[in-house]
Amino acid sequence: MKILFIGDIVGDAGIKAVKVLLPELLVEYEPDCVIANAENASGGFGLNKQTAKKLFEYGIGVLTSGNHIWDKKNIFSFMDDEPRLLRPANYPPGVPGRGRVVLPVGGQHRLGILNLSGRVFMEPLDCPFRAAESEIAALEEDTRCILVDIHAEATSEKQALGWMLDGRVSAVCGTHTHVQTADETILPGGTAYITDVGMSGAFASVIGVERDIAIKRFQTQLPISFKTAEKDIRLNGFLVEIDPDTGKALRCERIQRRR
């Protein structure tokens, strides 16, 4: 079983990256399922219903998210109706949507996907470590193959979760910082891990934002509105091959493609 995880899709440039570069990745790697973090896909902040549908049409099977998922209000009702769109499972009870899903993959097997949000330097949500325990216990009733998107700021928090879940899930994929890390590995228990999958969007930027705007914001500390960049479009991803019988990762690979 091969799973392709696409790093945070940022604005129109990120959507273009998926549209242009995903088809060649599908041919080259032949993944059984494509997952992408899309919380910044609509204008750089949030995700709306129209963009989500477009990304599904491009071949993405599941969309994960994070702290910006509520920025576009028409996503609320769509999230309740679309099981392939996830928000972090450690949001308090009663919020729209769901944090996990199980999908048939390759016709014979099933893949569980869990979305979590970190708390260090982020919103004080419910504990992602405790949420992981309960959510994974539920997923384990359906499948041994489980991928976790931990949307977090702190490297330490992501690494801690990776070690905690080693041997219990197939992969732990970090998102949120928009900078791909070079620490991809398979942990001793058989869990593929990367601290951050990276970004799909404009790389002539500051994590997807126009450079001059970001620089001025740092220089002045004024509340300047951000604008997403458009040049040097690339796609970052993480490929994981899983033994469907054991749920253990067999290999993993960082992916970088330029439009």
Protein backbone atom coordinates (compact mmCIF):
# COMPACT_ATOMS: atom_id res chain seq x y z
CA MET A 1 0.00 0.00 0.00
CA LYS A 2 1.50 3.34 -1.07
CA ILE A 3 0.28 6.63 0.40
CA LEU A 4 1.24 10.07 -0.91
CA PHE A 5 0.89 12.94 1.56
CA ILE A 6 1.06 16.46 0.08
CA GLY A 7 2.33 19.30 2.27
CA ASP A 8 0.25 22.37 3.13
CA ILE A 9 -1.43 23.73 -0.02
CA VAL A 10 -1.08 27.52 0.11
CA GLY A 11 -3.31 29.76 -2.02
CA ASP A 12 -3.72 29.72 -5.80
CA ALA A 13 -0.08 28.78 -6.30
CA GLY A 14 -0.58 25.67 -4.19
CA ILE A 15 -3.68 24.71 -6.13
CA LYS A 16 -1.72 25.14 -9.39
CA ALA A 17 1.06 22.97 -7.98
CA VAL A 18 -1.40 20.17 -7.31
CA LYS A 19 -3.14 20.53 -10.66
CA VAL A 20 0.08 20.47 -12.68
CA LEU A 21 2.40 18.25 -10.64
CA LEU A 22 0.12 15.65 -9.05
CA PRO A 23 -0.65 13.86 -12.36
CA GLU A 24 3.03 13.08 -12.93
CA LEU A 25 3.41 11.88 -9.35
CA LEU A 26 0.44 9.56 -9.81
CA VAL A 27 2.18 8.02 -12.82
CA GLU A 28 5.61 7.82 -11.18
CA TYR A 29 4.65 6.48 -7.76
CA GLU A 30 1.20 4.92 -8.36
CA PRO A 31 -0.07 5.73 -4.85
CA ASP A 32 -3.16 3.94 -3.60
CA CYS A 33 -4.33 7.07 -1.78
CA VAL A 34 -3.41 10.78 -1.87
CA ILE A 35 -3.83 12.95 1.24
CA ALA A 36 -3.16 16.69 1.49
CA ASN A 37 -3.30 19.35 4.16
CA ALA A 38 -5.49 22.11 2.69
CA GLU A 39 -6.20 24.52 5.54
CA ASN A 40 -4.51 27.38 3.64
CA ALA A 41 -5.71 26.55 0.13
CA SER A 42 -8.34 29.28 -0.26
CA GLY A 43 -6.55 32.59 -0.60
CA GLY A 44 -3.82 31.51 1.81
CA PHE A 45 -6.07 31.32 4.87
CA GLY A 46 -8.74 28.70 5.35
CA LEU A 47 -10.55 26.40 2.95
CA ASN A 48 -13.89 26.96 1.25
CA LYS A 49 -16.30 24.44 -0.21
CA GLN A 50 -15.44 25.28 -3.83
CA THR A 51 -11.70 24.79 -3.37
CA ALA A 52 -12.19 21.55 -1.46
CA LYS A 53 -14.29 20.12 -4.29
CA LYS A 54 -11.66 21.20 -6.84
CA LEU A 55 -8.90 19.43 -4.92
CA PHE A 56 -10.95 16.26 -4.73
CA GLU A 57 -11.42 16.46 -8.50
CA TYR A 58 -7.64 16.71 -8.96
CA GLY A 59 -7.21 13.30 -7.35
CA ILE A 60 -6.81 13.97 -3.64
CA GLY A 61 -8.68 11.39 -1.57
CA VAL A 62 -8.64 13.05 1.87
CA LEU A 63 -8.06 16.65 2.98
CA THR A 64 -6.67 17.33 6.43
CA SER A 65 -6.47 20.74 8.09
CA GLY A 66 -5.48 22.68 11.20
CA ASN A 67 -5.86 25.98 13.00
CA HIS A 68 -7.02 27.95 9.92
CA ILE A 69 -9.82 25.58 8.93
CA TRP A 70 -12.55 27.89 10.28
CA ASP A 71 -11.42 31.01 8.37
CA LYS A 72 -13.92 30.46 5.52
CA LYS A 73 -17.40 30.15 6.99
CA ASN A 74 -19.02 28.10 4.23
CA ILE A 75 -16.80 25.19 5.22
CA PHE A 76 -18.81 24.58 8.40
CA SER A 77 -21.81 22.83 6.87
CA PHE A 78 -19.72 21.20 4.12
CA MET A 79 -17.47 19.62 6.73
CA ASP A 80 -20.44 17.95 8.38
CA ASP A 81 -21.50 16.46 5.02
CA GLU A 82 -18.07 15.45 3.64
CA PRO A 83 -16.29 12.63 5.52
CA ARG A 84 -13.14 13.06 3.40
CA LEU A 85 -12.51 16.52 4.91
CA LEU A 86 -10.99 16.38 8.40
CA ARG A 87 -10.35 18.91 11.14
CA PRO A 88 -8.16 18.19 14.18
CA ALA A 89 -9.78 15.56 16.38
CA ASN A 90 -8.78 17.38 19.56
CA TYR A 91 -11.14 20.31 19.02
CA PRO A 92 -13.76 20.35 21.77
CA PRO A 93 -16.92 18.27 21.36
CA GLY A 94 -19.68 19.94 19.36
CA VAL A 95 -17.62 21.63 16.65
CA PRO A 96 -18.45 20.78 13.01
CA GLY A 97 -16.90 17.83 11.23
CA ARG A 98 -14.76 14.92 12.34
CA GLY A 99 -11.13 14.20 13.07
CA ARG A 100 -10.72 10.73 11.61
CA VAL A 101 -11.87 8.60 8.72
CA VAL A 102 -11.35 5.06 7.40
CA LEU A 103 -11.26 4.55 3.64
CA PRO A 104 -11.08 1.48 1.40
CA VAL A 105 -7.70 1.48 -0.36
CA GLY A 106 -6.68 -0.63 -3.33
CA GLY A 107 -9.91 -2.59 -3.25
CA GLN A 108 -8.77 -5.00 -0.53
CA HIS A 109 -7.48 -2.96 2.39
CA ARG A 110 -8.48 -0.05 4.59
CA LEU A 111 -6.59 3.06 5.66
CA GLY A 112 -7.33 5.13 8.73
CA ILE A 113 -6.44 8.83 8.73
CA LEU A 114 -6.27 10.91 11.91
CA ASN A 115 -5.86 14.70 12.08
CA LEU A 116 -4.51 16.32 15.27
CA SER A 117 -3.42 19.83 16.26
CA GLY A 118 -0.52 20.68 18.54
CA ARG A 119 -0.82 23.09 21.46
CA VAL A 120 2.67 24.59 21.85
CA PHE A 121 2.53 28.20 20.51
CA MET A 122 -0.98 27.42 19.20
CA GLU A 123 -4.57 27.40 20.46
CA PRO A 124 -5.10 25.64 23.82
CA LEU A 125 -7.13 22.75 22.45
CA ASP A 126 -7.67 19.40 24.12
CA CYS A 127 -4.48 17.37 24.61
CA PRO A 128 -3.39 15.84 21.27
CA PHE A 129 -1.59 13.00 23.05
CA ARG A 130 -4.67 11.91 24.96
CA ALA A 131 -6.83 12.42 21.87
CA ALA A 132 -4.44 10.25 19.86
CA GLU A 133 -4.85 7.39 22.31
CA SER A 134 -8.64 7.32 22.10
CA GLU A 135 -8.90 8.05 18.37
CA ILE A 136 -6.33 5.42 17.39
CA ALA A 137 -8.03 2.84 19.60
CA ALA A 138 -11.20 3.45 17.56
CA LEU A 139 -9.33 3.23 14.24
CA GLU A 140 -7.58 0.02 15.26
CA GLU A 141 -10.95 -1.70 15.32
CA ASP A 142 -11.10 -1.27 11.50
CA THR A 143 -7.50 -1.35 10.29
CA ARG A 144 -3.84 -1.69 11.17
CA CYS A 145 -2.88 0.93 8.59
CA ILE A 146 -3.14 4.39 10.12
CA LEU A 147 -1.64 7.75 9.07
CA VAL A 148 -1.57 10.71 11.44
CA ASP A 149 -1.30 14.39 10.42
CA ILE A 150 0.00 16.34 13.43
CA HIS A 151 -0.48 20.02 12.60
CA ALA A 152 1.86 21.72 15.04
CA GLU A 153 4.38 24.52 15.47
CA ALA A 154 6.90 22.91 17.80
CA THR A 155 9.34 20.31 16.50
CA SER A 156 9.55 18.79 19.97
CA GLU A 157 5.79 18.23 20.16
CA LYS A 158 5.75 16.48 16.79
CA GLN A 159 8.72 14.29 17.66
CA ALA A 160 7.21 13.36 21.00
CA LEU A 161 3.99 12.26 19.33
CA GLY A 162 5.96 10.28 16.74
CA TRP A 163 7.80 8.37 19.44
CA MET A 164 4.63 7.82 21.45
CA LEU A 165 2.85 6.32 18.44
CA ASP A 166 5.80 4.31 17.10
CA GLY A 167 4.61 0.81 16.35
CA ARG A 168 0.94 1.74 16.68
CA VAL A 169 0.48 3.71 13.46
CA SER A 170 1.95 3.45 9.98
CA ALA A 171 3.05 7.09 9.65
CA VAL A 172 3.19 10.36 11.55
CA CYS A 173 3.37 13.35 9.20
CA GLY A 174 4.01 16.82 10.58
CA THR A 175 2.41 19.87 8.95
CA HIS A 176 1.94 23.61 9.61
CA THR A 177 5.41 25.21 9.35
CA HIS A 178 5.51 25.11 5.50
CA VAL A 179 9.23 24.17 5.51
CA GLN A 180 10.06 20.58 4.62
CA THR A 181 12.40 18.91 7.11
CA ALA A 182 15.13 16.43 6.13
CA ASP A 183 14.52 13.97 8.96
CA GLU A 184 12.36 11.37 7.24
CA THR A 185 12.86 8.00 8.87
CA ILE A 186 11.24 4.75 9.91
CA LEU A 187 11.24 4.55 13.69
CA PRO A 188 12.23 1.28 15.43
CA GLY A 189 8.63 0.12 15.84
CA GLY A 190 7.87 0.50 12.13
CA THR A 191 6.30 3.98 11.97
CA ALA A 192 7.36 6.33 9.15
CA TYR A 193 8.01 9.83 10.47
CA ILE A 194 8.79 13.33 9.20
CA THR A 195 8.66 16.51 11.30
CA ASP A 196 7.17 18.58 8.48
CA VAL A 197 6.09 17.51 5.00
CA GLY A 198 6.52 21.08 3.75
CA MET A 199 4.46 23.31 1.48
CA SER A 200 2.87 23.26 -1.95
CA GLY A 201 2.80 26.77 -3.35
CA ALA A 202 5.09 29.68 -4.23
CA PHE A 203 8.61 29.25 -2.88
CA ALA A 204 9.82 32.76 -3.81
CA SER A 205 8.11 33.83 -0.61
CA VAL A 206 8.13 33.71 3.17
CA ILE A 207 6.23 30.45 3.83
CA GLY A 208 3.87 31.32 0.96
CA VAL A 209 3.45 35.04 1.67
CA GLU A 210 4.78 37.83 -0.57
CA ARG A 211 8.31 38.54 0.65
CA ASP A 212 8.11 42.34 0.85
CA ILE A 213 4.92 42.19 2.89
CA ALA A 214 6.37 39.65 5.33
CA ILE A 215 9.59 41.65 5.70
CA LYS A 216 7.68 44.88 6.37
CA ARG A 217 5.57 43.10 8.98
CA PHE A 218 8.71 41.96 10.81
CA GLN A 219 10.35 45.37 10.49
CA THR A 220 7.41 47.43 11.72
CA GLN A 221 5.33 45.00 13.83
CA LEU A 222 2.26 46.63 12.27
CA PRO A 223 -0.83 44.51 11.42
CA ILE A 224 -0.23 44.46 7.65
CA SER A 225 -2.50 42.23 5.57
CA PHE A 226 -0.73 39.26 4.03
CA LYS A 227 -0.92 38.36 0.34
CA THR A 228 0.05 34.97 -1.02
CA ALA A 229 2.97 34.82 -3.45
CA GLU A 230 2.84 33.42 -7.00
CA LYS A 231 6.40 32.71 -8.22
CA ASP A 232 8.51 29.53 -8.15
CA ILE A 233 5.69 27.03 -7.74
CA ARG A 234 6.64 23.72 -6.12
CA LEU A 235 5.07 20.73 -4.45
CA ASN A 236 6.41 19.06 -1.30
CA GLY A 237 5.25 15.59 -0.39
CA PHE A 238 5.97 12.44 1.61
CA LEU A 239 5.54 8.96 0.20
CA VAL A 240 5.02 6.03 2.56
CA GLU A 241 4.85 2.38 1.56
CA ILE A 242 2.99 0.24 4.10
CA ASP A 243 2.68 -3.50 4.64
CA PRO A 244 -1.13 -3.78 4.62
CA ASP A 245 -1.09 -6.93 6.75
CA THR A 246 0.96 -5.51 9.62
CA GLY A 247 0.50 -1.75 9.18
CA LYS A 248 4.28 -1.27 9.40
CA ALA A 249 6.04 1.18 7.10
CA LEU A 250 8.37 -0.48 4.61
CA ARG A 251 9.95 2.68 3.21
CA CYS A 252 9.42 6.43 3.07
CA GLU A 253 10.61 9.19 0.77
CA ARG A 254 10.57 12.99 0.75
CA ILE A 255 9.30 14.48 -2.52
CA GLN A 256 10.05 17.86 -4.06
CA ARG A 257 8.77 18.86 -7.48
CA ARG A 258 8.93 22.17 -9.32
CA ARG A 259 6.38 23.42 -11.87
